[in-house]
Amino acid sequence: MRCSICGIEIDSIDEAIEGGWVPYFYDGETDHEFVCPGCSEVFLESGEDGEMEVKAEYRGKITYKDEGERKEHWVMGIMVR
């Protein structure tokens, strides 16, 4: 997965959890997924509802690396009797 702001990539969810990545945030108009610790420290803050959101001074000024990507998640399951 990759940071929605700077584009840095990480190999696994386990590494992201251990490294302090934020799983999602809101920019005032859109939900975005995954942001690295460096970008979250600079650009994000906890909103009134406790959710992570872009600081007011950066809204509308960030070009997101995840824009235009498909936001579908596929889940596959196998049922055995």
PDB file of N, CA and C in Angstrom:
ATOM      1  N   MET A   1       0.829  -1.170   0.000  1.00  0.00           N
ATOM      2  CA  MET A   1       0.000   0.000   0.000  1.00  0.00           C
ATOM      3  C   MET A   1       0.876   1.236   0.000  1.00  0.00           C
ATOM      4  N   ARG A   2       0.218   2.359  -0.308  1.00  0.00           N
ATOM      5  CA  ARG A   2       1.009   3.575  -0.487  1.00  0.00           C
ATOM      6  C   ARG A   2       0.328   4.752   0.193  1.00  0.00           C
ATOM      7  N   CYS A   3       1.129   5.696   0.659  1.00  0.00           N
ATOM      8  CA  CYS A   3       0.629   6.893   1.331  1.00  0.00           C
ATOM      9  C   CYS A   3      -0.159   7.739   0.343  1.00  0.00           C
ATOM     10  N   SER A   4      -1.352   8.154   0.735  1.00  0.00           N
ATOM     11  CA  SER A   4      -2.217   8.960  -0.125  1.00  0.00           C
ATOM     12  C   SER A   4      -1.662  10.356  -0.373  1.00  0.00           C
ATOM     13  N   ILE A   5      -0.740  10.803   0.461  1.00  0.00           N
ATOM     14  CA  ILE A   5      -0.222  12.164   0.318  1.00  0.00           C
ATOM     15  C   ILE A   5       1.142  12.181  -0.380  1.00  0.00           C
ATOM     16  N   CYS A   6       2.125  11.455   0.144  1.00  0.00           N
ATOM     17  CA  CYS A   6       3.467  11.529  -0.444  1.00  0.00           C
ATOM     18  C   CYS A   6       3.768  10.395  -1.421  1.00  0.00           C
ATOM     19  N   GLY A   7       3.004   9.304  -1.355  1.00  0.00           N
ATOM     20  CA  GLY A   7       3.186   8.202  -2.293  1.00  0.00           C
ATOM     21  C   GLY A   7       4.180   7.142  -1.860  1.00  0.00           C
ATOM     22  N   ILE A   8       4.815   7.302  -0.696  1.00  0.00           N
ATOM     23  CA  ILE A   8       5.754   6.282  -0.225  1.00  0.00           C
ATOM     24  C   ILE A   8       5.000   4.958  -0.054  1.00  0.00           C
ATOM     25  N   GLU A   9       5.673   3.856  -0.373  1.00  0.00           N
ATOM     26  CA  GLU A   9       5.024   2.548  -0.315  1.00  0.00           C
ATOM     27  C   GLU A   9       5.547   1.712   0.843  1.00  0.00           C
ATOM     28  N   ILE A  10       4.696   0.830   1.323  1.00  0.00           N
ATOM     29  CA  ILE A  10       5.048  -0.119   2.377  1.00  0.00           C
ATOM     30  C   ILE A  10       4.489  -1.474   1.947  1.00  0.00           C
ATOM     31  N   ASP A  11       5.178  -2.536   2.340  1.00  0.00           N
ATOM     32  CA  ASP A  11       4.855  -3.860   1.825  1.00  0.00           C
ATOM     33  C   ASP A  11       3.636  -4.526   2.445  1.00  0.00           C
ATOM     34  N   SER A  12       3.382  -4.298   3.725  1.00  0.00           N
ATOM     35  CA  SER A  12       2.299  -5.060   4.347  1.00  0.00           C
ATOM     36  C   SER A  12       1.522  -4.236   5.369  1.00  0.00           C
ATOM     37  N   ILE A  13       0.338  -4.707   5.665  1.00  0.00           N
ATOM     38  CA  ILE A  13      -0.495  -4.065   6.676  1.00  0.00           C
ATOM     39  C   ILE A  13       0.158  -4.179   8.042  1.00  0.00           C
ATOM     40  N   ASP A  14       0.794  -5.308   8.312  1.00  0.00           N
ATOM     41  CA  ASP A  14       1.487  -5.486   9.597  1.00  0.00           C
ATOM     42  C   ASP A  14       2.571  -4.425   9.788  1.00  0.00           C
ATOM     43  N   GLU A  15       3.347  -4.168   8.732  1.00  0.00           N
ATOM     44  CA  GLU A  15       4.382  -3.129   8.808  1.00  0.00           C
ATOM     45  C   GLU A  15       3.752  -1.759   9.029  1.00  0.00           C
ATOM     46  N   ALA A  16       2.630  -1.514   8.370  1.00  0.00           N
ATOM     47  CA  ALA A  16       1.942  -0.225   8.509  1.00  0.00           C
ATOM     48  C   ALA A  16       1.453  -0.019   9.939  1.00  0.00           C
ATOM     49  N   ILE A  17       0.875  -1.049  10.524  1.00  0.00           N
ATOM     50  CA  ILE A  17       0.386  -0.957  11.899  1.00  0.00           C
ATOM     51  C   ILE A  17       1.543  -0.691  12.849  1.00  0.00           C
ATOM     52  N   GLU A  18       2.610  -1.457  12.701  1.00  0.00           N
ATOM     53  CA  GLU A  18       3.779  -1.278  13.561  1.00  0.00           C
ATOM     54  C   GLU A  18       4.440   0.081  13.352  1.00  0.00           C
ATOM     55  N   GLY A  19       4.361   0.607  12.119  1.00  0.00           N
ATOM     56  CA  GLY A  19       5.013   1.871  11.792  1.00  0.00           C
ATOM     57  C   GLY A  19       4.182   3.106  12.087  1.00  0.00           C
ATOM     58  N   GLY A  20       2.935   2.928  12.515  1.00  0.00           N
ATOM     59  CA  GLY A  20       2.103   4.067  12.881  1.00  0.00           C
ATOM     60  C   GLY A  20       1.348   4.729  11.747  1.00  0.00           C
ATOM     61  N   TRP A  21       1.107   3.992  10.655  1.00  0.00           N
ATOM     62  CA  TRP A  21       0.330   4.547   9.547  1.00  0.00           C
ATOM     63  C   TRP A  21      -1.118   4.752   9.984  1.00  0.00           C
ATOM     64  N   VAL A  22      -1.756   5.790   9.448  1.00  0.00           N
ATOM     65  CA  VAL A  22      -3.168   6.071   9.700  1.00  0.00           C
ATOM     66  C   VAL A  22      -3.967   5.390   8.585  1.00  0.00           C
ATOM     67  N   PRO A  23      -4.982   4.573   8.924  1.00  0.00           N
ATOM     68  CA  PRO A  23      -5.690   3.804   7.896  1.00  0.00           C
ATOM     69  C   PRO A  23      -6.619   4.623   7.004  1.00  0.00           C
ATOM     70  N   TYR A  24      -7.142   5.724   7.499  1.00  0.00           N
ATOM     71  CA  TYR A  24      -8.015   6.564   6.671  1.00  0.00           C
ATOM     72  C   TYR A  24      -8.122   7.956   7.283  1.00  0.00           C
ATOM     73  N   PHE A  25      -8.501   8.921   6.442  1.00  0.00           N
ATOM     74  CA  PHE A  25      -8.688  10.291   6.901  1.00  0.00           C
ATOM     75  C   PHE A  25      -9.640  10.999   5.950  1.00  0.00           C
ATOM     76  N   TYR A  26     -10.108  12.157   6.359  1.00  0.00           N
ATOM     77  CA  TYR A  26     -11.086  12.942   5.610  1.00  0.00           C
ATOM     78  C   TYR A  26     -10.469  14.299   5.292  1.00  0.00           C
ATOM     79  N   ASP A  27     -10.660  14.771   4.053  1.00  0.00           N
ATOM     80  CA  ASP A  27     -10.071  16.066   3.683  1.00  0.00           C
ATOM     81  C   ASP A  27     -11.090  17.198   3.598  1.00  0.00           C
ATOM     82  N   GLY A  28     -12.279  16.968   4.138  1.00  0.00           N
ATOM     83  CA  GLY A  28     -13.330  17.977   4.079  1.00  0.00           C
ATOM     84  C   GLY A  28     -14.358  17.675   3.010  1.00  0.00           C
ATOM     85  N   GLU A  29     -13.968  16.875   2.011  1.00  0.00           N
ATOM     86  CA  GLU A  29     -14.869  16.480   0.934  1.00  0.00           C
ATOM     87  C   GLU A  29     -14.841  14.984   0.663  1.00  0.00           C
ATOM     88  N   THR A  30     -13.680  14.363   0.828  1.00  0.00           N
ATOM     89  CA  THR A  30     -13.473  12.978   0.421  1.00  0.00           C
ATOM     90  C   THR A  30     -12.746  12.193   1.503  1.00  0.00           C
ATOM     91  N   ASP A  31     -13.088  10.909   1.607  1.00  0.00           N
ATOM     92  CA  ASP A  31     -12.337  10.002   2.467  1.00  0.00           C
ATOM     93  C   ASP A  31     -11.149   9.470   1.676  1.00  0.00           C
ATOM     94  N   HIS A  32     -10.010   9.365   2.322  1.00  0.00           N
ATOM     95  CA  HIS A  32      -8.808   8.809   1.709  1.00  0.00           C
ATOM     96  C   HIS A  32      -8.289   7.702   2.610  1.00  0.00           C
ATOM     97  N   GLU A  33      -7.553   6.779   2.001  1.00  0.00           N
ATOM     98  CA  GLU A  33      -6.993   5.660   2.760  1.00  0.00           C
ATOM     99  C   GLU A  33      -5.483   5.788   2.875  1.00  0.00           C
ATOM    100  N   PHE A  34      -4.959   5.342   3.972  1.00  0.00           N
ATOM    101  CA  PHE A  34      -3.541   5.174   4.256  1.00  0.00           C
ATOM    102  C   PHE A  34      -2.709   6.446   4.122  1.00  0.00           C
ATOM    103  N   VAL A  35      -2.112   6.817   5.221  1.00  0.00           N
ATOM    104  CA  VAL A  35      -1.163   7.927   5.231  1.00  0.00           C
ATOM    105  C   VAL A  35      -0.020   7.571   6.175  1.00  0.00           C
ATOM    106  N   CYS A  36       1.189   7.846   5.731  1.00  0.00           N
ATOM    107  CA  CYS A  36       2.384   7.490   6.502  1.00  0.00           C
ATOM    108  C   CYS A  36       2.500   8.384   7.742  1.00  0.00           C
ATOM    109  N   PRO A  37       3.307   7.965   8.711  1.00  0.00           N
ATOM    110  CA  PRO A  37       3.463   8.742   9.944  1.00  0.00           C
ATOM    111  C   PRO A  37       3.998  10.161   9.711  1.00  0.00           C
ATOM    112  N   GLY A  38       4.903  10.332   8.765  1.00  0.00           N
ATOM    113  CA  GLY A  38       5.452  11.660   8.496  1.00  0.00           C
ATOM    114  C   GLY A  38       4.393  12.626   7.992  1.00  0.00           C
ATOM    115  N   CYS A  39       3.590  12.178   7.040  1.00  0.00           N
ATOM    116  CA  CYS A  39       2.532  13.034   6.491  1.00  0.00           C
ATOM    117  C   CYS A  39       1.421  13.260   7.508  1.00  0.00           C
ATOM    118  N   SER A  40       1.096  12.229   8.286  1.00  0.00           N
ATOM    119  CA  SER A  40       0.017  12.397   9.260  1.00  0.00           C
ATOM    120  C   SER A  40       0.410  13.407  10.330  1.00  0.00           C
ATOM    121  N   GLU A  41       1.679  13.426  10.697  1.00  0.00           N
ATOM    122  CA  GLU A  41       2.146  14.379  11.709  1.00  0.00           C
ATOM    123  C   GLU A  41       2.049  15.819  11.212  1.00  0.00           C
ATOM    124  N   VAL A  42       2.358  16.031   9.942  1.00  0.00           N
ATOM    125  CA  VAL A  42       2.364  17.376   9.378  1.00  0.00           C
ATOM    126  C   VAL A  42       0.971  17.836   8.959  1.00  0.00           C
ATOM    127  N   PHE A  43       0.226  16.978   8.268  1.00  0.00           N
ATOM    128  CA  PHE A  43      -0.997  17.406   7.597  1.00  0.00           C
ATOM    129  C   PHE A  43      -2.310  17.058   8.299  1.00  0.00           C
ATOM    130  N   LEU A  44      -2.303  16.118   9.248  1.00  0.00           N
ATOM    131  CA  LEU A  44      -3.554  15.664   9.843  1.00  0.00           C
ATOM    132  C   LEU A  44      -3.689  16.058  11.310  1.00  0.00           C
ATOM    133  N   GLU A  45      -4.946  16.101  11.757  1.00  0.00           N
ATOM    134  CA  GLU A  45      -5.256  16.313  13.164  1.00  0.00           C
ATOM    135  C   GLU A  45      -6.540  15.558  13.476  1.00  0.00           C
ATOM    136  N   SER A  46      -6.781  15.342  14.740  1.00  0.00           N
ATOM    137  CA  SER A  46      -8.007  14.686  15.165  1.00  0.00           C
ATOM    138  C   SER A  46      -9.128  15.722  15.178  1.00  0.00           C
ATOM    139  N   GLY A  47     -10.215  15.414  14.471  1.00  0.00           N
ATOM    140  CA  GLY A  47     -11.343  16.335  14.399  1.00  0.00           C
ATOM    141  C   GLY A  47     -12.207  16.265  15.643  1.00  0.00           C
ATOM    142  N   GLU A  48     -13.280  17.058  15.651  1.00  0.00           N
ATOM    143  CA  GLU A  48     -14.195  17.091  16.791  1.00  0.00           C
ATOM    144  C   GLU A  48     -14.820  15.728  17.060  1.00  0.00           C
ATOM    145  N   ASP A  49     -15.012  14.939  16.006  1.00  0.00           N
ATOM    146  CA  ASP A  49     -15.626  13.625  16.157  1.00  0.00           C
ATOM    147  C   ASP A  49     -14.601  12.531  16.463  1.00  0.00           C
ATOM    148  N   GLY A  50     -13.335  12.912  16.588  1.00  0.00           N
ATOM    149  CA  GLY A  50     -12.281  11.960  16.902  1.00  0.00           C
ATOM    150  C   GLY A  50     -11.661  11.306  15.683  1.00  0.00           C
ATOM    151  N   GLU A  51     -12.196  11.575  14.502  1.00  0.00           N
ATOM    152  CA  GLU A  51     -11.653  11.011  13.269  1.00  0.00           C
ATOM    153  C   GLU A  51     -10.512  11.891  12.758  1.00  0.00           C
ATOM    154  N   MET A  52      -9.579  11.284  12.052  1.00  0.00           N
ATOM    155  CA  MET A  52      -8.454  12.033  11.503  1.00  0.00           C
ATOM    156  C   MET A  52      -8.906  12.824  10.280  1.00  0.00           C
ATOM    157  N   GLU A  53      -8.478  14.080  10.217  1.00  0.00           N
ATOM    158  CA  GLU A  53      -8.834  14.921   9.080  1.00  0.00           C
ATOM    159  C   GLU A  53      -7.686  15.869   8.763  1.00  0.00           C
ATOM    160  N   VAL A  54      -7.695  16.382   7.536  1.00  0.00           N
ATOM    161  CA  VAL A  54      -6.660  17.319   7.098  1.00  0.00           C
ATOM    162  C   VAL A  54      -6.830  18.626   7.867  1.00  0.00           C
ATOM    163  N   LYS A  55      -5.709  19.181   8.333  1.00  0.00           N
ATOM    164  CA  LYS A  55      -5.738  20.463   9.028  1.00  0.00           C
ATOM    165  C   LYS A  55      -6.299  21.527   8.083  1.00  0.00           C
ATOM    166  N   ALA A  56      -7.037  22.467   8.638  1.00  0.00           N
ATOM    167  CA  ALA A  56      -7.718  23.498   7.846  1.00  0.00           C
ATOM    168  C   ALA A  56      -6.766  24.243   6.907  1.00  0.00           C
ATOM    169  N   GLU A  57      -5.553  24.528   7.358  1.00  0.00           N
ATOM    170  CA  GLU A  57      -4.625  25.304   6.527  1.00  0.00           C
ATOM    171  C   GLU A  57      -4.125  24.552   5.290  1.00  0.00           C
ATOM    172  N   TYR A  58      -4.329  23.214   5.254  1.00  0.00           N
ATOM    173  CA  TYR A  58      -3.879  22.420   4.108  1.00  0.00           C
ATOM    174  C   TYR A  58      -5.024  21.957   3.211  1.00  0.00           C
ATOM    175  N   ARG A  59      -6.261  22.182   3.607  1.00  0.00           N
ATOM    176  CA  ARG A  59      -7.404  21.740   2.789  1.00  0.00           C
ATOM    177  C   ARG A  59      -7.406  22.459   1.444  1.00  0.00           C
ATOM    178  N   GLY A  60      -7.565  21.658   0.397  1.00  0.00           N
ATOM    179  CA  GLY A  60      -7.585  22.205  -0.962  1.00  0.00           C
ATOM    180  C   GLY A  60      -6.208  22.491  -1.538  1.00  0.00           C
ATOM    181  N   LYS A  61      -5.159  22.211  -0.774  1.00  0.00           N
ATOM    182  CA  LYS A  61      -3.800  22.506  -1.230  1.00  0.00           C
ATOM    183  C   LYS A  61      -2.971  21.240  -1.465  1.00  0.00           C
ATOM    184  N   ILE A  62      -3.528  20.081  -1.166  1.00  0.00           N
ATOM    185  CA  ILE A  62      -2.805  18.828  -1.299  1.00  0.00           C
ATOM    186  C   ILE A  62      -3.294  18.088  -2.546  1.00  0.00           C
ATOM    187  N   THR A  63      -2.346  17.577  -3.333  1.00  0.00           N
ATOM    188  CA  THR A  63      -2.678  16.699  -4.445  1.00  0.00           C
ATOM    189  C   THR A  63      -2.492  15.274  -3.944  1.00  0.00           C
ATOM    190  N   TYR A  64      -3.560  14.509  -3.938  1.00  0.00           N
ATOM    191  CA  TYR A  64      -3.518  13.166  -3.367  1.00  0.00           C
ATOM    192  C   TYR A  64      -3.070  12.131  -4.386  1.00  0.00           C
ATOM    193  N   LYS A  65      -2.233  11.220  -3.931  1.00  0.00           N
ATOM    194  CA  LYS A  65      -1.698  10.169  -4.796  1.00  0.00           C
ATOM    195  C   LYS A  65      -2.724   9.077  -5.068  1.00  0.00           C
ATOM    196  N   ASP A  66      -3.799   9.031  -4.276  1.00  0.00           N
ATOM    197  CA  ASP A  66      -4.798   7.978  -4.470  1.00  0.00           C
ATOM    198  C   ASP A  66      -5.978   8.432  -5.327  1.00  0.00           C
ATOM    199  N   GLU A  67      -5.980   9.677  -5.799  1.00  0.00           N
ATOM    200  CA  GLU A  67      -7.075  10.147  -6.637  1.00  0.00           C
ATOM    201  C   GLU A  67      -7.015   9.461  -7.989  1.00  0.00           C
ATOM    202  N   GLY A  68      -8.167   9.039  -8.459  1.00  0.00           N
ATOM    203  CA  GLY A  68      -8.244   8.367  -9.742  1.00  0.00           C
ATOM    204  C   GLY A  68      -8.068   6.867  -9.654  1.00  0.00           C
ATOM    205  N   GLU A  69      -7.609   6.373  -8.515  1.00  0.00           N
ATOM    206  CA  GLU A  69      -7.477   4.934  -8.349  1.00  0.00           C
ATOM    207  C   GLU A  69      -8.833   4.344  -8.013  1.00  0.00           C
ATOM    208  N   ARG A  70      -9.014   3.102  -8.377  1.00  0.00           N
ATOM    209  CA  ARG A  70     -10.255   2.413  -8.023  1.00  0.00           C
ATOM    210  C   ARG A  70     -10.284   2.198  -6.530  1.00  0.00           C
ATOM    211  N   LYS A  71     -11.433   2.435  -5.932  1.00  0.00           N
ATOM    212  CA  LYS A  71     -11.581   2.281  -4.492  1.00  0.00           C
ATOM    213  C   LYS A  71     -12.442   1.063  -4.175  1.00  0.00           C
ATOM    214  N   GLU A  72     -12.310   0.026  -4.966  1.00  0.00           N
ATOM    215  CA  GLU A  72     -13.063  -1.192  -4.717  1.00  0.00           C
ATOM    216  C   GLU A  72     -12.179  -2.180  -3.977  1.00  0.00           C
ATOM    217  N   HIS A  73     -12.785  -2.899  -3.085  1.00  0.00           N
ATOM    218  CA  HIS A  73     -12.076  -3.939  -2.361  1.00  0.00           C
ATOM    219  C   HIS A  73     -12.808  -5.244  -2.595  1.00  0.00           C
ATOM    220  N   TRP A  74     -12.095  -6.225  -3.037  1.00  0.00           N
ATOM    221  CA  TRP A  74     -12.695  -7.510  -3.326  1.00  0.00           C
ATOM    222  C   TRP A  74     -12.445  -8.458  -2.154  1.00  0.00           C
ATOM    223  N   VAL A  75     -13.466  -9.206  -1.827  1.00  0.00           N
ATOM    224  CA  VAL A  75     -13.350 -10.206  -0.772  1.00  0.00           C
ATOM    225  C   VAL A  75     -13.763 -11.539  -1.374  1.00  0.00           C
ATOM    226  N   MET A  76     -12.935 -12.539  -1.151  1.00  0.00           N
ATOM    227  CA  MET A  76     -13.231 -13.859  -1.666  1.00  0.00           C
ATOM    228  C   MET A  76     -13.325 -14.815  -0.486  1.00  0.00           C
ATOM    229  N   GLY A  77     -14.303 -15.642  -0.516  1.00  0.00           N
ATOM    230  CA  GLY A  77     -14.461 -16.625   0.557  1.00  0.00           C
ATOM    231  C   GLY A  77     -14.706 -18.006  -0.024  1.00  0.00           C
ATOM    232  N   ILE A  78     -14.328 -18.993   0.724  1.00  0.00           N
ATOM    233  CA  ILE A  78     -14.556 -20.377   0.321  1.00  0.00           C
ATOM    234  C   ILE A  78     -15.356 -21.037   1.438  1.00  0.00           C
ATOM    235  N   MET A  79     -16.383 -21.711   1.030  1.00  0.00           N
ATOM    236  CA  MET A  79     -17.242 -22.385   1.984  1.00  0.00           C
ATOM    237  C   MET A  79     -17.065 -23.893   1.790  1.00  0.00           C
ATOM    238  N   VAL A  80     -16.720 -24.582   2.849  1.00  0.00           N
ATOM    239  CA  VAL A  80     -16.496 -26.026   2.780  1.00  0.00           C
ATOM    240  C   VAL A  80     -17.467 -26.723   3.705  1.00  0.00           C
ATOM    241  N   ARG A  81     -18.085 -27.769   3.193  1.00  0.00           N
ATOM    242  CA  ARG A  81     -19.018 -28.545   4.030  1.00  0.00           C
ATOM    243  C   ARG A  81     -18.448 -29.888   4.331  1.00  0.00           C
TER     244      ARG A  81
END
